C-alpha atoms as a PDB file:
ATOM      1  CA  MET A   1      29.257 -42.435 -39.116  1.00  0.00           C
ATOM      2  CA  PRO A   2      30.896 -41.699 -42.504  1.00  0.00           C
ATOM      3  CA  PRO A   3      34.270 -43.315 -43.230  1.00  0.00           C
ATOM      4  CA  ASP A   4      37.438 -41.447 -42.389  1.00  0.00           C
ATOM      5  CA  PRO A   5      38.444 -39.567 -45.598  1.00  0.00           C
ATOM      6  CA  TRP A   6      42.161 -40.161 -44.987  1.00  0.00           C
ATOM      7  CA  ARG A   7      41.678 -43.908 -44.750  1.00  0.00           C
ATOM      8  CA  THR A   8      39.363 -44.226 -47.738  1.00  0.00           C
ATOM      9  CA  THR A   9      40.881 -41.637 -50.069  1.00  0.00           C
ATOM     10  CA  CYS A  10      44.545 -40.957 -49.410  1.00  0.00           C
ATOM     11  CA  LEU A  11      45.820 -43.956 -47.506  1.00  0.00           C
ATOM     12  CA  PRO A  12      45.218 -46.521 -50.280  1.00  0.00           C
ATOM     13  CA  LYS A  13      46.824 -44.201 -52.847  1.00  0.00           C
ATOM     14  CA  THR A  14      49.708 -43.480 -50.502  1.00  0.00           C
ATOM     15  CA  TRP A  15      50.187 -47.190 -50.003  1.00  0.00           C
ATOM     16  CA  TRP A  16      50.332 -47.716 -53.738  1.00  0.00           C
ATOM     17  CA  ALA A  17      52.899 -44.949 -54.077  1.00  0.00           C
ATOM     18  CA  MET A  18      55.029 -46.318 -51.272  1.00  0.00           C
ATOM     19  CA  THR A  19      54.992 -49.916 -52.427  1.00  0.00           C
ATOM     20  CA  CYS A  20      54.882 -49.604 -56.200  1.00  0.00           C
ATOM     21  CA  GLY A  21      56.657 -46.329 -56.827  1.00  0.00           C
ATOM     22  CA  SER A  22      53.773 -44.644 -58.619  1.00  0.00           C
ATOM     23  CA  ARG A  23      52.902 -41.013 -58.209  1.00  0.00           C
ATOM     24  CA  PRO A  24      49.127 -40.868 -57.880  1.00  0.00           C
ATOM     25  CA  THR A  25      47.362 -37.584 -58.470  1.00  0.00           C
ATOM     26  CA  PHE A  26      45.273 -36.456 -55.546  1.00  0.00           C
ATOM     27  CA  ARG A  27      42.075 -34.563 -56.240  1.00  0.00           C
ATOM     28  CA  GLN A  28      41.962 -33.326 -52.709  1.00  0.00           C
ATOM     29  CA  HIS A  29      44.673 -32.654 -50.200  1.00  0.00           C
ATOM     30  CA  ILE A  30      44.101 -34.228 -46.815  1.00  0.00           C
ATOM     31  CA  ARG A  31      46.922 -34.060 -44.311  1.00  0.00           C
ATOM     32  CA  PRO A  32      46.232 -35.686 -40.963  1.00  0.00           C
ATOM     33  CA  ASP A  33      47.481 -34.050 -37.789  1.00  0.00           C
ATOM     34  CA  GLY A  34      50.835 -35.509 -36.793  1.00  0.00           C
ATOM     35  CA  TYR A  35      50.670 -39.270 -36.784  1.00  0.00           C
ATOM     36  CA  SER A  36      46.963 -39.459 -35.901  1.00  0.00           C
ATOM     37  CA  PHE A  37      46.513 -42.211 -38.508  1.00  0.00           C
ATOM     38  CA  LEU A  38      49.287 -44.431 -37.159  1.00  0.00           C
ATOM     39  CA  ALA A  39      47.011 -46.909 -35.346  1.00  0.00           C
ATOM     40  CA  GLN A  40      45.339 -47.634 -38.695  1.00  0.00           C
ATOM     41  CA  MET A  41      48.669 -48.971 -39.943  1.00  0.00           C
ATOM     42  CA  ASN A  42      48.169 -52.034 -37.733  1.00  0.00           C
ATOM     43  CA  ASP A  43      45.410 -53.129 -40.117  1.00  0.00           C
ATOM     44  CA  CYS A  44      47.596 -52.964 -43.218  1.00  0.00           C
ATOM     45  CA  LEU A  45      49.668 -55.746 -44.702  1.00  0.00           C
ATOM     46  CA  CYS A  46      52.987 -53.899 -44.521  1.00  0.00           C
ATOM     47  CA  ASP A  47      55.743 -55.395 -42.401  1.00  0.00           C
ATOM     48  CA  GLN A  48      57.782 -52.243 -41.785  1.00  0.00           C
ATOM     49  CA  ILE A  49      56.884 -48.643 -41.082  1.00  0.00           C
ATOM     50  CA  SER A  50      59.485 -45.907 -41.548  1.00  0.00           C
ATOM     51  CA  ILE A  51      59.236 -42.896 -39.253  1.00  0.00           C
ATOM     52  CA  GLU A  52      61.481 -39.833 -39.238  1.00  0.00           C
ATOM     53  CA  THR A  53      62.558 -38.908 -35.723  1.00  0.00           C
ATOM     54  CA  ALA A  54      65.708 -36.834 -36.270  1.00  0.00           C
ATOM     55  CA  GLN A  55      64.489 -33.879 -38.338  1.00  0.00           C
ATOM     56  CA  THR A  56      61.283 -33.437 -36.382  1.00  0.00           C
ATOM     57  CA  PRO A  57      60.697 -33.313 -32.646  1.00  0.00           C
ATOM     58  CA  LEU A  58      58.555 -36.450 -32.850  1.00  0.00           C
ATOM     59  CA  ASP A  59      57.129 -37.709 -29.589  1.00  0.00           C
ATOM     60  CA  THR A  60      58.260 -41.316 -29.913  1.00  0.00           C
ATOM     61  CA  SER A  61      55.407 -42.503 -27.688  1.00  0.00           C
ATOM     62  CA  VAL A  62      53.371 -42.629 -30.931  1.00  0.00           C
ATOM     63  CA  LEU A  63      55.297 -45.818 -31.712  1.00  0.00           C
ATOM     64  CA  GLU A  64      53.098 -47.549 -29.111  1.00  0.00           C
ATOM     65  CA  GLU A  65      50.347 -47.384 -31.748  1.00  0.00           C
ATOM     66  CA  VAL A  66      52.181 -49.851 -33.984  1.00  0.00           C
ATOM     67  CA  ARG A  67      53.780 -52.249 -31.526  1.00  0.00           C
ATOM     68  CA  GLY A  68      54.244 -55.517 -33.329  1.00  0.00           C
ATOM     69  CA  LYS A  69      55.269 -53.923 -36.630  1.00  0.00           C
ATOM     70  CA  THR A  70      58.927 -53.502 -37.509  1.00  0.00           C
ATOM     71  CA  ILE A  71      59.757 -49.813 -37.126  1.00  0.00           C
ATOM     72  CA  MET A  72      62.461 -48.145 -39.189  1.00  0.00           C
ATOM     73  CA  VAL A  73      63.525 -45.275 -36.931  1.00  0.00           C
ATOM     74  CA  GLY A  74      65.125 -42.387 -38.806  1.00  0.00           C
ATOM     75  CA  VAL A  75      68.047 -41.152 -36.703  1.00  0.00           C
ATOM     76  CA  LEU A  76      70.007 -38.955 -39.155  1.00  0.00           C
ATOM     77  CA  ASP A  77      69.016 -35.313 -39.568  1.00  0.00           C
ATOM     78  CA  LEU A  78      69.424 -34.810 -43.298  1.00  0.00           C
ATOM     79  CA  SER A  79      68.397 -31.158 -43.204  1.00  0.00           C
ATOM     80  CA  ASP A  80      71.784 -30.357 -41.647  1.00  0.00           C
ATOM     81  CA  HIS A  81      75.256 -31.058 -43.056  1.00  0.00           C
ATOM     82  CA  THR A  82      76.657 -31.471 -39.544  1.00  0.00           C
ATOM     83  CA  VAL A  83      77.648 -35.077 -38.890  1.00  0.00           C
ATOM     84  CA  GLU A  84      76.048 -36.309 -35.688  1.00  0.00           C
ATOM     85  CA  THR A  85      78.253 -38.054 -33.158  1.00  0.00           C
ATOM     86  CA  PRO A  86      77.598 -41.720 -32.419  1.00  0.00           C
ATOM     87  CA  GLU A  87      76.397 -40.613 -28.960  1.00  0.00           C
ATOM     88  CA  VAL A  88      73.724 -38.353 -30.498  1.00  0.00           C
ATOM     89  CA  ILE A  89      72.608 -41.209 -32.747  1.00  0.00           C
ATOM     90  CA  ALA A  90      72.486 -43.584 -29.766  1.00  0.00           C
ATOM     91  CA  GLN A  91      70.334 -41.059 -27.880  1.00  0.00           C
ATOM     92  CA  ARG A  92      67.856 -40.940 -30.792  1.00  0.00           C
ATOM     93  CA  ILE A  93      67.687 -44.729 -30.879  1.00  0.00           C
ATOM     94  CA  ARG A  94      67.139 -44.893 -27.108  1.00  0.00           C
ATOM     95  CA  ARG A  95      64.167 -42.514 -27.406  1.00  0.00           C
ATOM     96  CA  ALA A  96      62.311 -45.129 -29.463  1.00  0.00           C
ATOM     97  CA  LEU A  97      63.119 -48.218 -27.403  1.00  0.00           C
ATOM     98  CA  PRO A  98      60.640 -47.685 -24.543  1.00  0.00           C
ATOM     99  CA  HIS A  99      57.822 -47.541 -27.110  1.00  0.00           C
ATOM    100  CA  ALA A 100      58.768 -50.331 -29.531  1.00  0.00           C
ATOM    101  CA  ASP A 101      59.965 -53.904 -29.284  1.00  0.00           C
ATOM    102  CA  ALA A 102      63.771 -53.715 -29.451  1.00  0.00           C
ATOM    103  CA  ASP A 103      63.972 -56.695 -31.797  1.00  0.00           C
ATOM    104  CA  LYS A 104      61.655 -54.874 -34.211  1.00  0.00           C
ATOM    105  CA  VAL A 105      63.554 -51.573 -34.353  1.00  0.00           C
ATOM    106  CA  VAL A 106      65.611 -50.998 -37.492  1.00  0.00           C
ATOM    107  CA  VAL A 107      67.963 -48.040 -37.380  1.00  0.00           C
ATOM    108  CA  ALA A 108      67.626 -45.981 -40.549  1.00  0.00           C
ATOM    109  CA  ARG A 109      68.067 -42.448 -41.786  1.00  0.00           C
ATOM    110  CA  ASP A 110      65.413 -39.829 -42.288  1.00  0.00           C
ATOM    111  CA  TRP A 111      64.497 -39.346 -45.956  1.00  0.00           C
ATOM    112  CA  GLY A 112      66.580 -37.076 -48.169  1.00  0.00           C
ATOM    113  CA  LEU A 113      70.137 -38.438 -48.090  1.00  0.00           C
ATOM    114  CA  LYS A 114      70.541 -37.672 -51.790  1.00  0.00           C
ATOM    115  CA  TYR A 115      70.596 -33.934 -51.075  1.00  0.00           C
ATOM    116  CA  LEU A 116      73.838 -34.070 -49.092  1.00  0.00           C
ATOM    117  CA  PRO A 117      77.412 -34.177 -50.425  1.00  0.00           C
ATOM    118  CA  ARG A 118      78.746 -37.718 -50.698  1.00  0.00           C
ATOM    119  CA  ASP A 119      81.414 -37.268 -47.999  1.00  0.00           C
ATOM    120  CA  VAL A 120      78.784 -35.988 -45.558  1.00  0.00           C
ATOM    121  CA  ASP A 121      76.466 -38.886 -46.469  1.00  0.00           C
ATOM    122  CA  PHE A 122      79.216 -41.396 -45.799  1.00  0.00           C
ATOM    123  CA  ALA A 123      80.251 -39.807 -42.500  1.00  0.00           C
ATOM    124  CA  LYS A 124      76.627 -39.719 -41.312  1.00  0.00           C
ATOM    125  CA  MET A 125      76.156 -43.387 -42.187  1.00  0.00           C
ATOM    126  CA  GLN A 126      79.372 -44.310 -40.334  1.00  0.00           C
ATOM    127  CA  SER A 127      78.139 -42.394 -37.304  1.00  0.00           C
ATOM    128  CA  MET A 128      74.782 -44.167 -37.525  1.00  0.00           C
ATOM    129  CA  ALA A 129      76.507 -47.567 -37.496  1.00  0.00           C
ATOM    130  CA  ALA A 130      78.680 -46.558 -34.539  1.00  0.00           C
ATOM    131  CA  GLY A 131      75.659 -45.209 -32.624  1.00  0.00           C
ATOM    132  CA  ALA A 132      73.740 -48.430 -33.229  1.00  0.00           C
ATOM    133  CA  ALA A 133      76.758 -50.403 -31.977  1.00  0.00           C
ATOM    134  CA  LEU A 134      76.733 -48.363 -28.747  1.00  0.00           C
ATOM    135  CA  VAL A 135      73.084 -49.220 -28.111  1.00  0.00           C
ATOM    136  CA  ASP A 136      73.642 -52.874 -29.027  1.00  0.00           C
ATOM    137  CA  ALA A 137      76.515 -53.063 -26.517  1.00  0.00           C
ATOM    138  CA  GLU A 138      74.260 -51.627 -23.783  1.00  0.00           C
ATOM    139  CA  HIS A 139      71.611 -54.265 -24.447  1.00  0.00           C
ATOM    140  CA  GLU A 140      74.110 -57.129 -24.538  1.00  0.00           C
ATOM    141  CA  ALA A 141      75.509 -56.165 -21.119  1.00  0.00           C
END
């Protein structure tokens, strides 16, 4: 069976771009369906995997594929200037917890914070911290 083109062609280049900040030129465009490649991440040397869950209706059960890795769960929708409440943020965090080890979940934002006004950025980050505190309090009880 021939090797998976995503794994042999794009994944190594993507890794280089993610870790070293380069912008490799792709000769072909291969986009896997959803997160179909996620299980392959278990074989890589990275410690953390960042996944956007706020801007997309991601089925967080895909996180089962990378149990054992630290997962940065994006919980801020940066395509919208509306500041989420801490309760909404907590709900997004809770969606990931059944599918990942709680001690390996890092609450983060989806990518693109630089496109929002500074006051909105700050308010979203405050809400993220408050939402994470809500979930922490539930797990301490």
